[in-house]
Amino acid sequence: MKTSESALKKIAEFEGIHLKAYKCPAGVWTIGVGHTNGVTEGMTITQAQAMDFFENDIRKYEDYVTATGIALNQNQFDALVSFSFNCGVGNLRKLVNGRDYQQIAEAIMKYNKARVKGVMTVLPGLTRRREWERNLFLSGAGVTPKTEKQRIIKTGSRGDDVKEIQEALNRHGYCLAVDGIVGQRTEAAIVHFQRRMGLVPDGIVGPKTRAALHA
């Protein structure tokens, strides 16, 4: 799959086109349309070079998105290309790991900060971009793929999906070690959370408990 022309225009709009090297908010030398590889202070390029860099960079991020192995429609693909172009392949992998489509869309909004003078700061420009990517990811170009059935989490369960549950519980006020294991403390937190939400307090994370955790 290739990035749509409309998405390419939007990415270029967010990034801007700069023919002289500048430092982005994160302090990285950048030129053209968000191009950073080999850029040094004082470097200048032509408009044609900027477009060549952009085309080559986009192909690279398209490959990264394809490599996630997730079934995507055109809008979802475009959104993740834009996201990875801006946030990098490492954050792309973190974004999609262990999440369904709805969770990916909402998690995109967590990436609206950059380190400014040593302090992580919410940037309005990044917030606008994340909102566009999230809305694009959720919009219906073609049939939205079905999410994979997620396993039931219970005492003794281990894995990255358990870490996701522990992180969600911590966002609801529980102080758990995010170790990917459902031990006594994690089970007790699940039971307590279920009681708070009016769910059956069985210590098992199924669809209803999972939905409540991510609400």
Protein backbone atom coordinates (compact mmCIF):
# COMPACT_ATOMS: atom_id res chain seq x y z
CA MET A 1 0.00 0.00 0.00
CA LYS A 2 1.15 3.54 -0.78
CA THR A 3 0.36 6.79 0.98
CA SER A 4 -2.48 8.72 -0.64
CA GLU A 5 -1.82 12.05 -2.32
CA SER A 6 -4.10 13.84 0.14
CA ALA A 7 -2.13 12.43 3.09
CA LEU A 8 1.19 13.38 1.49
CA LYS A 9 -0.03 16.96 1.15
CA LYS A 10 -1.19 17.00 4.77
CA ILE A 11 2.13 15.60 6.06
CA ALA A 12 4.02 18.24 4.08
CA GLU A 13 1.68 20.90 5.48
CA PHE A 14 2.38 19.79 9.06
CA GLU A 15 6.13 19.53 8.51
CA GLY A 16 6.55 22.60 6.34
CA ILE A 17 9.14 22.84 3.56
CA HIS A 18 12.45 24.35 4.64
CA LEU A 19 15.34 24.83 2.24
CA LYS A 20 17.77 25.78 5.00
CA ALA A 21 18.59 23.58 8.00
CA TYR A 22 16.82 24.44 11.24
CA LYS A 23 16.48 22.89 14.68
CA CYS A 24 13.10 21.30 15.38
CA PRO A 25 11.55 21.67 18.88
CA ALA A 26 13.39 18.49 19.93
CA GLY A 27 16.71 20.11 18.99
CA VAL A 28 17.38 17.99 15.87
CA TRP A 29 18.76 19.59 12.71
CA THR A 30 16.09 19.28 10.02
CA ILE A 31 15.66 20.32 6.40
CA GLY A 32 13.20 19.90 3.54
CA VAL A 33 10.00 18.15 4.68
CA GLY A 34 11.02 16.84 8.09
CA HIS A 35 14.24 15.28 6.78
CA THR A 36 16.90 14.71 9.46
CA ASN A 37 19.38 12.14 8.13
CA GLY A 38 22.79 13.74 7.56
CA VAL A 39 21.54 17.28 8.14
CA THR A 40 24.06 19.75 9.55
CA GLU A 41 23.98 23.37 10.63
CA GLY A 42 24.07 25.78 7.69
CA MET A 43 23.01 23.17 5.14
CA THR A 44 20.84 24.35 2.22
CA ILE A 45 18.99 22.47 -0.53
CA THR A 46 16.78 23.17 -3.53
CA GLN A 47 13.02 22.61 -3.73
CA ALA A 48 13.64 19.60 -5.97
CA GLN A 49 16.06 18.09 -3.44
CA ALA A 50 13.53 18.65 -0.68
CA MET A 51 10.90 16.69 -2.65
CA ASP A 52 13.39 13.89 -3.40
CA PHE A 53 14.22 13.58 0.30
CA PHE A 54 10.52 13.57 1.14
CA GLU A 55 9.69 10.84 -1.38
CA ASN A 56 12.51 8.61 -0.15
CA ASP A 57 11.61 9.18 3.50
CA ILE A 58 7.95 8.39 2.89
CA ARG A 59 8.84 5.07 1.22
CA LYS A 60 10.86 4.12 4.29
CA TYR A 61 8.00 4.82 6.67
CA GLU A 62 5.54 3.02 4.44
CA ASP A 63 7.75 -0.05 4.78
CA TYR A 64 7.77 0.36 8.58
CA VAL A 65 3.97 0.51 8.70
CA THR A 66 3.63 -2.50 6.39
CA ALA A 67 6.08 -4.43 8.57
CA THR A 68 3.72 -4.16 11.58
CA GLY A 69 1.64 -6.87 9.90
CA ILE A 70 -1.63 -5.15 10.81
CA ALA A 71 -4.49 -5.23 8.29
CA LEU A 72 -5.18 -1.57 7.48
CA ASN A 73 -7.48 0.36 5.23
CA GLN A 74 -6.12 3.36 3.31
CA ASN A 75 -6.97 5.93 5.98
CA GLN A 76 -5.44 3.83 8.75
CA PHE A 77 -2.31 3.29 6.69
CA ASP A 78 -2.00 7.01 5.94
CA ALA A 79 -2.45 7.90 9.61
CA LEU A 80 0.31 5.52 10.73
CA VAL A 81 2.69 6.71 8.00
CA SER A 82 2.20 10.28 9.20
CA PHE A 83 2.63 9.22 12.83
CA SER A 84 5.83 7.23 12.22
CA PHE A 85 7.24 9.95 9.94
CA ASN A 86 6.94 12.35 12.86
CA CYS A 87 7.55 10.07 15.86
CA GLY A 88 9.83 7.34 14.49
CA VAL A 89 9.62 3.60 13.99
CA GLY A 90 10.27 2.82 17.66
CA ASN A 91 7.20 4.76 18.75
CA LEU A 92 5.18 3.20 15.93
CA ARG A 93 5.94 -0.26 17.31
CA LYS A 94 5.05 0.84 20.83
CA LEU A 95 1.81 2.39 19.55
CA VAL A 96 0.48 -0.75 17.89
CA ASN A 97 1.87 -3.41 20.24
CA GLY A 98 -0.92 -5.29 22.04
CA ARG A 99 -3.63 -2.78 21.08
CA ASP A 100 -6.78 -3.14 19.01
CA TYR A 101 -7.78 -0.53 16.43
CA GLN A 102 -9.76 1.69 18.81
CA GLN A 103 -6.95 1.62 21.37
CA ILE A 104 -4.36 2.52 18.73
CA ALA A 105 -6.42 5.53 17.66
CA GLU A 106 -6.75 6.81 21.22
CA ALA A 107 -3.11 6.11 22.10
CA ILE A 108 -1.99 8.33 19.21
CA MET A 109 -2.97 11.33 21.35
CA LYS A 110 -0.29 10.50 23.93
CA TYR A 111 2.40 11.60 21.48
CA ASN A 112 1.79 15.35 21.52
CA LYS A 113 4.82 16.34 23.60
CA ALA A 114 8.44 17.21 22.88
CA ARG A 115 11.37 18.06 25.09
CA VAL A 116 11.78 21.85 25.11
CA LYS A 117 14.72 23.18 27.11
CA GLY A 118 14.88 19.90 28.98
CA VAL A 119 11.17 19.81 29.87
CA MET A 120 8.53 17.58 28.22
CA THR A 121 6.00 20.08 26.88
CA VAL A 122 2.64 19.70 25.12
CA LEU A 123 2.92 21.43 21.74
CA PRO A 124 -0.24 22.76 20.04
CA GLY A 125 1.13 21.83 16.60
CA LEU A 126 1.69 18.23 17.66
CA THR A 127 -1.74 18.10 19.29
CA ARG A 128 -3.38 19.21 16.03
CA ARG A 129 -1.41 16.62 14.09
CA ARG A 130 -2.25 13.81 16.51
CA GLU A 131 -5.94 14.76 16.36
CA TRP A 132 -5.86 14.61 12.55
CA GLU A 133 -4.11 11.22 12.62
CA ARG A 134 -6.51 9.81 15.20
CA ASN A 135 -9.59 11.00 13.30
CA LEU A 136 -8.17 9.73 10.03
CA PHE A 137 -7.40 6.35 11.57
CA LEU A 138 -10.99 6.06 12.81
CA SER A 139 -12.64 7.30 9.62
CA GLY A 140 -14.18 4.84 7.21
CA ALA A 141 -12.29 4.46 3.97
CA GLY A 142 -13.44 1.02 2.98
CA VAL A 143 -14.29 -1.59 5.61
CA THR A 144 -12.65 -1.16 8.98
CA PRO A 145 -10.83 -4.41 9.76
CA LYS A 146 -12.17 -6.58 12.55
CA THR A 147 -10.08 -6.55 15.68
CA GLU A 148 -8.49 -9.77 16.79
CA LYS A 149 -10.15 -11.48 19.73
CA GLN A 150 -8.21 -10.64 22.87
CA ARG A 151 -7.49 -13.34 25.38
CA ILE A 152 -8.96 -13.45 28.86
CA ILE A 153 -6.56 -12.16 31.53
CA LYS A 154 -6.66 -13.96 34.88
CA THR A 155 -4.44 -15.08 37.77
CA GLY A 156 -1.17 -16.44 36.40
CA SER A 157 -1.49 -14.76 32.97
CA ARG A 158 1.77 -13.34 31.64
CA GLY A 159 2.72 -11.15 28.70
CA ASP A 160 2.65 -7.69 27.17
CA ASP A 161 -1.15 -7.61 27.24
CA VAL A 162 -0.95 -8.05 31.02
CA LYS A 163 1.38 -5.03 31.17
CA GLU A 164 -1.23 -3.08 29.23
CA ILE A 165 -3.86 -4.01 31.84
CA GLN A 166 -1.51 -3.06 34.69
CA GLU A 167 -0.78 0.30 33.06
CA ALA A 168 -4.53 0.90 32.62
CA LEU A 169 -5.14 0.03 36.28
CA ASN A 170 -2.42 2.45 37.30
CA ARG A 171 -4.14 5.20 35.31
CA HIS A 172 -7.19 4.49 37.49
CA GLY A 173 -5.18 5.07 40.66
CA TYR A 174 -3.62 1.69 41.43
CA CYS A 175 0.11 1.47 42.10
CA LEU A 176 1.17 -1.76 40.45
CA ALA A 177 4.52 -2.94 39.21
CA VAL A 178 4.18 -3.26 35.44
CA ASP A 179 5.80 -6.69 35.26
CA GLY A 180 3.42 -8.49 32.92
CA ILE A 181 2.29 -11.03 35.54
CA VAL A 182 -1.14 -11.32 37.17
CA GLY A 183 -0.13 -12.00 40.76
CA GLN A 184 -2.01 -11.33 43.98
CA ARG A 185 -1.69 -7.53 43.89
CA THR A 186 -2.79 -7.26 40.27
CA GLU A 187 -5.71 -9.64 40.84
CA ALA A 188 -6.78 -7.65 43.93
CA ALA A 189 -6.64 -4.41 41.91
CA ILE A 190 -8.77 -5.97 39.16
CA VAL A 191 -11.38 -7.12 41.71
CA HIS A 192 -11.45 -3.69 43.39
CA PHE A 193 -11.79 -1.93 40.03
CA GLN A 194 -14.60 -4.26 38.99
CA ARG A 195 -16.51 -3.48 42.18
CA ARG A 196 -16.07 0.24 41.56
CA MET A 197 -17.46 -0.14 38.04
CA GLY A 198 -20.40 -2.36 39.05
CA LEU A 199 -18.95 -5.37 37.26
CA VAL A 200 -18.76 -8.96 38.48
CA PRO A 201 -15.71 -8.91 40.83
CA ASP A 202 -14.18 -12.16 39.58
CA GLY A 203 -10.63 -10.90 39.01
CA ILE A 204 -10.84 -11.85 35.34
CA VAL A 205 -10.32 -9.26 32.59
CA GLY A 206 -12.76 -10.00 29.77
CA PRO A 207 -14.33 -7.64 27.23
CA LYS A 208 -16.44 -5.67 29.76
CA THR A 209 -13.62 -5.08 32.23
CA ARG A 210 -11.21 -4.24 29.42
CA ALA A 211 -13.65 -1.72 27.97
CA ALA A 212 -14.13 -0.10 31.40
CA LEU A 213 -10.37 0.15 31.90
CA HIS A 214 -9.92 1.95 28.58
CA ALA A 215 -12.99 4.17 28.87
